[in-house]
C-alpha atoms as a PDB file:
ATOM      1  CA  MET A   1     -26.827   1.090  18.223  1.00  0.00           C
ATOM      2  CA  ASP A   2     -26.535   3.635  15.459  1.00  0.00           C
ATOM      3  CA  ILE A   3     -23.925   2.454  12.947  1.00  0.00           C
ATOM      4  CA  SER A   4     -23.635   5.931  11.419  1.00  0.00           C
ATOM      5  CA  ASN A   5     -21.563   6.956  14.454  1.00  0.00           C
ATOM      6  CA  LEU A   6     -18.952   4.391  13.412  1.00  0.00           C
ATOM      7  CA  ILE A   7     -18.619   5.752   9.880  1.00  0.00           C
ATOM      8  CA  THR A   8     -16.477   8.779  10.579  1.00  0.00           C
ATOM      9  CA  PRO A   9     -13.914  10.404   8.289  1.00  0.00           C
ATOM     10  CA  GLU A  10     -11.232   8.834  10.491  1.00  0.00           C
ATOM     11  CA  THR A  11     -12.564   5.276  10.144  1.00  0.00           C
ATOM     12  CA  VAL A  12     -13.147   5.667   6.405  1.00  0.00           C
ATOM     13  CA  THR A  13      -9.586   6.946   5.930  1.00  0.00           C
ATOM     14  CA  PHE A  14      -8.057   4.336   8.244  1.00  0.00           C
ATOM     15  CA  PHE A  15      -9.788   1.294   6.782  1.00  0.00           C
ATOM     16  CA  GLY A  16      -9.827   2.707   3.257  1.00  0.00           C
ATOM     17  CA  SER A  17      -6.047   2.916   3.309  1.00  0.00           C
ATOM     18  CA  MET A  18      -5.930  -0.844   3.934  1.00  0.00           C
ATOM     19  CA  VAL A  19      -7.733  -1.690   0.673  1.00  0.00           C
ATOM     20  CA  PRO A  20      -5.359  -3.343  -1.830  1.00  0.00           C
ATOM     21  CA  GLY A  21      -4.862  -1.435  -5.052  1.00  0.00           C
ATOM     22  CA  THR A  22      -5.980   2.017  -3.970  1.00  0.00           C
ATOM     23  CA  GLU A  23      -4.638   2.096  -0.391  1.00  0.00           C
ATOM     24  CA  LEU A  24      -3.817   5.610   0.836  1.00  0.00           C
ATOM     25  CA  ARG A  25      -3.821   6.910  -2.730  1.00  0.00           C
ATOM     26  CA  LEU A  26      -7.600   7.093  -2.485  1.00  0.00           C
ATOM     27  CA  ALA A  27      -8.107   7.127   1.297  1.00  0.00           C
ATOM     28  CA  ILE A  28      -6.241  10.387   1.963  1.00  0.00           C
ATOM     29  CA  PRO A  29      -8.194  12.443  -0.622  1.00  0.00           C
ATOM     30  CA  VAL A  30     -11.454  10.888   0.601  1.00  0.00           C
ATOM     31  CA  GLY A  31     -10.562  11.735   4.208  1.00  0.00           C
ATOM     32  CA  ILE A  32      -9.736  15.322   3.279  1.00  0.00           C
ATOM     33  CA  GLY A  33     -12.953  15.502   1.259  1.00  0.00           C
ATOM     34  CA  MET A  34     -14.868  14.318   4.333  1.00  0.00           C
ATOM     35  CA  GLY A  35     -13.431  17.180   6.378  1.00  0.00           C
ATOM     36  CA  LEU A  36     -10.181  15.899   7.872  1.00  0.00           C
ATOM     37  CA  SER A  37      -7.215  18.228   7.882  1.00  0.00           C
ATOM     38  CA  PRO A  38      -4.515  17.170   5.407  1.00  0.00           C
ATOM     39  CA  ILE A  39      -2.124  16.330   8.270  1.00  0.00           C
ATOM     40  CA  LYS A  40      -4.713  14.194  10.072  1.00  0.00           C
ATOM     41  CA  ALA A  41      -5.698  12.399   6.848  1.00  0.00           C
ATOM     42  CA  PHE A  42      -2.006  11.784   6.104  1.00  0.00           C
ATOM     43  CA  ILE A  43      -1.250  10.335   9.557  1.00  0.00           C
ATOM     44  CA  ILE A  44      -4.355   8.131   9.663  1.00  0.00           C
ATOM     45  CA  GLY A  45      -3.839   7.005   6.054  1.00  0.00           C
ATOM     46  CA  VAL A  46      -0.183   6.099   6.586  1.00  0.00           C
ATOM     47  CA  ILE A  47      -0.884   4.160   9.796  1.00  0.00           C
ATOM     48  CA  GLY A  48      -3.796   2.311   8.192  1.00  0.00           C
ATOM     49  CA  ASN A  49      -1.713   1.518   5.120  1.00  0.00           C
ATOM     50  CA  LEU A  50       1.189   0.135   7.172  1.00  0.00           C
ATOM     51  CA  ILE A  51      -0.750  -2.229   9.448  1.00  0.00           C
ATOM     52  CA  PRO A  52      -1.545  -4.933   6.845  1.00  0.00           C
ATOM     53  CA  ASN A  53       2.140  -5.235   5.900  1.00  0.00           C
ATOM     54  CA  PHE A  54       3.110  -6.642   9.282  1.00  0.00           C
ATOM     55  CA  ILE A  55       0.547  -9.414   8.800  1.00  0.00           C
ATOM     56  CA  ILE A  56       1.194  -9.969   5.079  1.00  0.00           C
ATOM     57  CA  LEU A  57       4.954 -10.332   5.468  1.00  0.00           C
ATOM     58  CA  TRP A  58       4.580 -12.567   8.521  1.00  0.00           C
ATOM     59  CA  ALA A  59       1.876 -14.832   7.072  1.00  0.00           C
ATOM     60  CA  LEU A  60       2.546 -14.952   3.325  1.00  0.00           C
ATOM     61  CA  GLY A  61       5.207 -17.662   3.473  1.00  0.00           C
ATOM     62  CA  PRO A  62       3.404 -20.147   5.751  1.00  0.00           C
ATOM     63  CA  ILE A  63       0.001 -19.612   4.135  1.00  0.00           C
ATOM     64  CA  THR A  64       1.186 -20.003   0.533  1.00  0.00           C
ATOM     65  CA  LYS A  65       3.277 -23.024   1.501  1.00  0.00           C
ATOM     66  CA  PHE A  66       0.256 -24.680   3.134  1.00  0.00           C
ATOM     67  CA  LEU A  67      -2.123 -23.851   0.266  1.00  0.00           C
ATOM     68  CA  ARG A  68       0.327 -24.967  -2.422  1.00  0.00           C
ATOM     69  CA  LYS A  69       0.902 -28.230  -0.604  1.00  0.00           C
ATOM     70  CA  HIS A  70      -2.825 -29.004  -0.341  1.00  0.00           C
ATOM     71  CA  SER A  71      -4.173 -27.757  -3.687  1.00  0.00           C
ATOM     72  CA  LYS A  72      -2.789 -28.266  -7.170  1.00  0.00           C
ATOM     73  CA  THR A  73      -4.980 -25.452  -8.486  1.00  0.00           C
ATOM     74  CA  LEU A  74      -3.645 -22.998  -5.915  1.00  0.00           C
ATOM     75  CA  ASP A  75      -0.118 -24.265  -6.495  1.00  0.00           C
ATOM     76  CA  ARG A  76      -0.450 -23.399 -10.196  1.00  0.00           C
ATOM     77  CA  PHE A  77      -2.048 -20.045  -9.356  1.00  0.00           C
ATOM     78  CA  PHE A  78       0.737 -19.042  -6.967  1.00  0.00           C
ATOM     79  CA  GLU A  79       3.416 -20.294  -9.342  1.00  0.00           C
ATOM     80  CA  LYS A  80       2.047 -18.075 -12.134  1.00  0.00           C
ATOM     81  CA  LEU A  81       1.526 -15.086  -9.835  1.00  0.00           C
ATOM     82  CA  PHE A  82       4.972 -15.347  -8.265  1.00  0.00           C
ATOM     83  CA  GLU A  83       6.743 -15.952 -11.561  1.00  0.00           C
ATOM     84  CA  LYS A  84       4.937 -13.041 -13.230  1.00  0.00           C
ATOM     85  CA  THR A  85       5.819 -10.736 -10.326  1.00  0.00           C
ATOM     86  CA  ARG A  86       9.443 -11.887 -10.234  1.00  0.00           C
ATOM     87  CA  ASN A  87       9.853 -11.453 -13.996  1.00  0.00           C
ATOM     88  CA  LYS A  88       8.247  -8.017 -13.929  1.00  0.00           C
ATOM     89  CA  HIS A  89      10.538  -6.677 -11.191  1.00  0.00           C
ATOM     90  CA  ARG A  90      13.702  -8.808 -11.447  1.00  0.00           C
ATOM     91  CA  LYS A  91      15.661  -6.315 -13.541  1.00  0.00           C
ATOM     92  CA  LYS A  92      14.880  -3.325 -11.316  1.00  0.00           C
ATOM     93  CA  PHE A  93      15.511  -5.346  -8.161  1.00  0.00           C
ATOM     94  CA  ALA A  94      18.884  -6.482  -9.510  1.00  0.00           C
ATOM     95  CA  GLN A  95      19.765  -2.911 -10.470  1.00  0.00           C
ATOM     96  CA  TYR A  96      18.700  -1.149  -7.256  1.00  0.00           C
ATOM     97  CA  GLY A  97      18.616  -3.941  -4.686  1.00  0.00           C
ATOM     98  CA  SER A  98      16.041  -3.944  -1.937  1.00  0.00           C
ATOM     99  CA  VAL A  99      15.865  -0.114  -2.069  1.00  0.00           C
ATOM    100  CA  PHE A 100      13.765  -0.681  -5.208  1.00  0.00           C
ATOM    101  CA  ILE A 101      10.921  -1.495  -2.810  1.00  0.00           C
ATOM    102  CA  VAL A 102      10.982   2.091  -1.495  1.00  0.00           C
ATOM    103  CA  PHE A 103      10.748   3.488  -5.033  1.00  0.00           C
ATOM    104  CA  PHE A 104       8.019   1.045  -6.034  1.00  0.00           C
ATOM    105  CA  VAL A 105       5.837   1.604  -2.963  1.00  0.00           C
ATOM    106  CA  SER A 106       6.233   5.388  -3.085  1.00  0.00           C
ATOM    107  CA  ILE A 107       4.853   5.718  -6.630  1.00  0.00           C
ATOM    108  CA  PRO A 108       1.373   7.109  -5.985  1.00  0.00           C
ATOM    109  CA  LEU A 109      -0.420   5.010  -8.579  1.00  0.00           C
ATOM    110  CA  PRO A 110      -2.944   2.225  -7.959  1.00  0.00           C
ATOM    111  CA  GLY A 111      -1.284  -1.190  -7.819  1.00  0.00           C
ATOM    112  CA  SER A 112       2.158   0.046  -6.844  1.00  0.00           C
ATOM    113  CA  GLY A 113       1.634   0.278  -3.110  1.00  0.00           C
ATOM    114  CA  SER A 114       2.515  -1.551   0.036  1.00  0.00           C
ATOM    115  CA  TRP A 115       0.559  -4.743  -0.682  1.00  0.00           C
ATOM    116  CA  THR A 116       2.502  -5.352  -3.888  1.00  0.00           C
ATOM    117  CA  GLY A 117       5.673  -4.117  -2.185  1.00  0.00           C
ATOM    118  CA  SER A 118       5.164  -6.792   0.478  1.00  0.00           C
ATOM    119  CA  LEU A 119       4.775  -9.444  -2.217  1.00  0.00           C
ATOM    120  CA  ILE A 120       7.958  -8.264  -3.955  1.00  0.00           C
ATOM    121  CA  ALA A 121       9.877  -8.274  -0.655  1.00  0.00           C
ATOM    122  CA  PHE A 122       8.657 -11.808   0.045  1.00  0.00           C
ATOM    123  CA  LEU A 123       9.496 -13.097  -3.434  1.00  0.00           C
ATOM    124  CA  PHE A 124      12.999 -11.640  -3.392  1.00  0.00           C
ATOM    125  CA  GLY A 125      13.736 -12.860   0.131  1.00  0.00           C
ATOM    126  CA  VAL A 126      14.042  -9.496   1.884  1.00  0.00           C
ATOM    127  CA  LYS A 127      14.213 -10.025   5.655  1.00  0.00           C
ATOM    128  CA  TYR A 128      11.053  -9.174   7.614  1.00  0.00           C
ATOM    129  CA  TRP A 129      12.174  -6.042   9.503  1.00  0.00           C
ATOM    130  CA  LYS A 130      14.141  -4.703   6.553  1.00  0.00           C
ATOM    131  CA  ALA A 131      11.053  -5.128   4.360  1.00  0.00           C
ATOM    132  CA  ILE A 132       8.901  -3.380   6.975  1.00  0.00           C
ATOM    133  CA  ALA A 133      11.365  -0.454   7.086  1.00  0.00           C
ATOM    134  CA  LEU A 134      11.598  -0.151   3.292  1.00  0.00           C
ATOM    135  CA  ILE A 135       7.835  -0.368   2.811  1.00  0.00           C
ATOM    136  CA  SER A 136       7.252   2.147   5.621  1.00  0.00           C
ATOM    137  CA  ILE A 137       9.574   4.677   3.990  1.00  0.00           C
ATOM    138  CA  GLY A 138       7.791   4.165   0.664  1.00  0.00           C
ATOM    139  CA  VAL A 139       4.351   4.564   2.260  1.00  0.00           C
ATOM    140  CA  ILE A 140       5.386   7.796   3.988  1.00  0.00           C
ATOM    141  CA  ILE A 141       6.749   9.204   0.713  1.00  0.00           C
ATOM    142  CA  ALA A 142       3.574   8.140  -1.131  1.00  0.00           C
ATOM    143  CA  GLY A 143       1.454   9.733   1.592  1.00  0.00           C
ATOM    144  CA  ILE A 144       3.356  13.013   1.282  1.00  0.00           C
ATOM    145  CA  LEU A 145       3.007  12.969  -2.516  1.00  0.00           C
ATOM    146  CA  VAL A 146      -0.710  12.160  -2.400  1.00  0.00           C
ATOM    147  CA  THR A 147      -1.498  14.715   0.307  1.00  0.00           C
ATOM    148  CA  THR A 148       0.443  17.574  -1.273  1.00  0.00           C
ATOM    149  CA  GLY A 149      -0.703  16.635  -4.771  1.00  0.00           C
ATOM    150  CA  PHE A 150      -4.348  16.549  -3.731  1.00  0.00           C
ATOM    151  CA  GLU A 151      -4.081  19.802  -1.807  1.00  0.00           C
ATOM    152  CA  GLY A 152      -2.340  21.465  -4.748  1.00  0.00           C
ATOM    153  CA  ALA A 153      -4.932  20.231  -7.237  1.00  0.00           C
ATOM    154  CA  TYR A 154      -7.780  21.244  -4.918  1.00  0.00           C
ATOM    155  CA  THR A 155      -6.316  24.739  -4.448  1.00  0.00           C
ATOM    156  CA  LEU A 156      -5.767  25.148  -8.185  1.00  0.00           C
ATOM    157  CA  PHE A 157      -9.307  23.968  -8.940  1.00  0.00           C
ATOM    158  CA  ASN A 158     -10.772  26.451  -6.442  1.00  0.00           C
ATOM    159  CA  TYR A 159      -8.636  29.241  -7.878  1.00  0.00           C
ATOM    160  CA  LEU A 160      -9.679  28.485 -11.449  1.00  0.00           C
ATOM    161  CA  THR A 161     -13.368  28.185 -10.615  1.00  0.00           C
ATOM    162  CA  ALA A 162     -13.567  31.254  -8.349  1.00  0.00           C
END
């Protein structure tokens, strides 16, 4: 079996958009750079970026509860992580409500994507399907911004270097 057949622009974009931190902010430009059309890279990147959120939001509560119960070290780790995240976003969440998640997720910068949006939704008690909807809207907006921004920058670069 030749593994190179599995490493297509589609698989790189799809799985790359699942990586915490960079998510579709890196996966869409990489997909376009590998030859995907901007629309195809956008669709694959958005779908790949959304899939982990269903699992994260469903599993985060039970997993952290179990780990905190069985490990003092992990209990301290989660306490610090959750408190830091709550403190960082409490003011904005109080000001904008759960819609803040859409704004936060849609900012096309590393670290402000759907993984962190899922954590914020969990920490502030946003209901599962509402969180999924808010994060999905944010991911779609981020995908549009990244795709159009990359295409614009690429076009400008080609124009300036021609």
